[in-house]
C-alpha atoms as a PDB file:
ATOM      1  CA  UNK A   1     146.890  25.688 -21.984  1.00  0.00           C
ATOM      2  CA  UNK A   2     145.850  23.335 -25.070  1.00  0.00           C
ATOM      3  CA  UNK A   3     142.745  24.316 -27.173  1.00  0.00           C
ATOM      4  CA  UNK A   4     139.348  22.399 -26.179  1.00  0.00           C
ATOM      5  CA  UNK A   5     138.357  19.745 -28.405  1.00  0.00           C
ATOM      6  CA  UNK A   6     134.405  20.491 -29.617  1.00  0.00           C
ATOM      7  CA  UNK A   7     133.239  17.421 -31.260  1.00  0.00           C
ATOM      8  CA  UNK A   8     130.046  17.650 -33.443  1.00  0.00           C
ATOM      9  CA  UNK A   9     128.433  14.964 -35.621  1.00  0.00           C
ATOM     10  CA  UNK A  10     129.246  12.089 -33.305  1.00  0.00           C
ATOM     11  CA  UNK A  11     127.978   8.802 -34.699  1.00  0.00           C
ATOM     12  CA  UNK A  12     128.568   5.394 -33.042  1.00  0.00           C
ATOM     13  CA  UNK A  13     129.629   2.249 -34.958  1.00  0.00           C
ATOM     14  CA  UNK A  14     129.405  -0.850 -32.674  1.00  0.00           C
ATOM     15  CA  UNK A  15     132.395   0.115 -30.131  1.00  0.00           C
ATOM     16  CA  UNK A  16     133.605   2.780 -32.178  1.00  0.00           C
ATOM     17  CA  UNK A  17     132.769   6.518 -31.932  1.00  0.00           C
ATOM     18  CA  UNK A  18     133.240   8.757 -34.931  1.00  0.00           C
ATOM     19  CA  UNK A  19     133.273  12.680 -34.170  1.00  0.00           C
ATOM     20  CA  UNK A  20     134.113  15.698 -36.530  1.00  0.00           C
ATOM     21  CA  UNK A  21     136.353  18.516 -35.223  1.00  0.00           C
ATOM     22  CA  UNK A  22     138.769  21.050 -36.222  1.00  0.00           C
ATOM     23  CA  UNK A  23     142.306  20.599 -35.721  1.00  0.00           C
ATOM     24  CA  UNK A  24     144.822  23.062 -34.533  1.00  0.00           C
ATOM     25  CA  UNK A  25     145.382  24.335 -38.198  1.00  0.00           C
ATOM     26  CA  UNK A  26     141.684  24.871 -38.739  1.00  0.00           C
ATOM     27  CA  UNK A  27     140.772  22.072 -41.059  1.00  0.00           C
ATOM     28  CA  UNK A  28     137.991  19.689 -40.517  1.00  0.00           C
ATOM     29  CA  UNK A  29     138.959  16.267 -39.464  1.00  0.00           C
ATOM     30  CA  UNK A  30     137.312  13.032 -38.454  1.00  0.00           C
ATOM     31  CA  UNK A  31     138.590  11.141 -35.479  1.00  0.00           C
ATOM     32  CA  UNK A  32     137.687   7.226 -34.757  1.00  0.00           C
ATOM     33  CA  UNK A  33     137.976   6.219 -31.354  1.00  0.00           C
ATOM     34  CA  UNK A  34     137.689   2.575 -30.136  1.00  0.00           C
ATOM     35  CA  UNK A  35     135.874   3.093 -26.672  1.00  0.00           C
ATOM     36  CA  UNK A  36     136.562  -0.405 -25.286  1.00  0.00           C
ATOM     37  CA  UNK A  37     138.839  -0.910 -22.338  1.00  0.00           C
ATOM     38  CA  UNK A  38     142.660  -1.360 -22.647  1.00  0.00           C
ATOM     39  CA  UNK A  39     142.457  -0.983 -26.548  1.00  0.00           C
ATOM     40  CA  UNK A  40     143.888   2.833 -27.037  1.00  0.00           C
ATOM     41  CA  UNK A  41     143.100   3.046 -30.858  1.00  0.00           C
ATOM     42  CA  UNK A  42     142.202   6.265 -32.329  1.00  0.00           C
ATOM     43  CA  UNK A  43     143.108   7.961 -35.477  1.00  0.00           C
ATOM     44  CA  UNK A  44     142.213  11.039 -37.460  1.00  0.00           C
ATOM     45  CA  UNK A  45     140.844  11.032 -41.137  1.00  0.00           C
ATOM     46  CA  UNK A  46     140.419  13.669 -43.561  1.00  0.00           C
ATOM     47  CA  UNK A  47     137.020  12.382 -44.847  1.00  0.00           C
ATOM     48  CA  UNK A  48     133.961  10.830 -42.878  1.00  0.00           C
ATOM     49  CA  UNK A  49     133.958   7.806 -45.183  1.00  0.00           C
ATOM     50  CA  UNK A  50     137.442   6.905 -44.426  1.00  0.00           C
ATOM     51  CA  UNK A  51     136.672   7.007 -40.570  1.00  0.00           C
ATOM     52  CA  UNK A  52     133.496   4.871 -40.991  1.00  0.00           C
ATOM     53  CA  UNK A  53     135.234   2.429 -43.084  1.00  0.00           C
ATOM     54  CA  UNK A  54     138.188   2.237 -40.232  1.00  0.00           C
ATOM     55  CA  UNK A  55     135.357   1.847 -37.652  1.00  0.00           C
ATOM     56  CA  UNK A  56     133.763  -1.131 -39.416  1.00  0.00           C
ATOM     57  CA  UNK A  57     137.072  -2.917 -39.802  1.00  0.00           C
ATOM     58  CA  UNK A  58     138.801  -2.438 -36.701  1.00  0.00           C
ATOM     59  CA  UNK A  59     139.748  -5.492 -34.894  1.00  0.00           C
ATOM     60  CA  UNK A  60     141.710  -5.568 -31.485  1.00  0.00           C
ATOM     61  CA  UNK A  61     143.015  -8.221 -29.257  1.00  0.00           C
ATOM     62  CA  UNK A  62     141.205  -7.124 -26.220  1.00  0.00           C
ATOM     63  CA  UNK A  63     138.804  -9.512 -24.662  1.00  0.00           C
END
């Protein structure tokens, strides 16, 4: 059974949510997830600043 993801410091920038969590190696990472239907974009970053930049600049073709 996979480990449960516990996000903390969740923030929202437009339709993108950013959350801080620990990965399976125990390192703190920041996940950015686009919440619109049919987009499916998400990424992990080592710093919250990088995740915020990605959230502000992400563009998808979902309408």
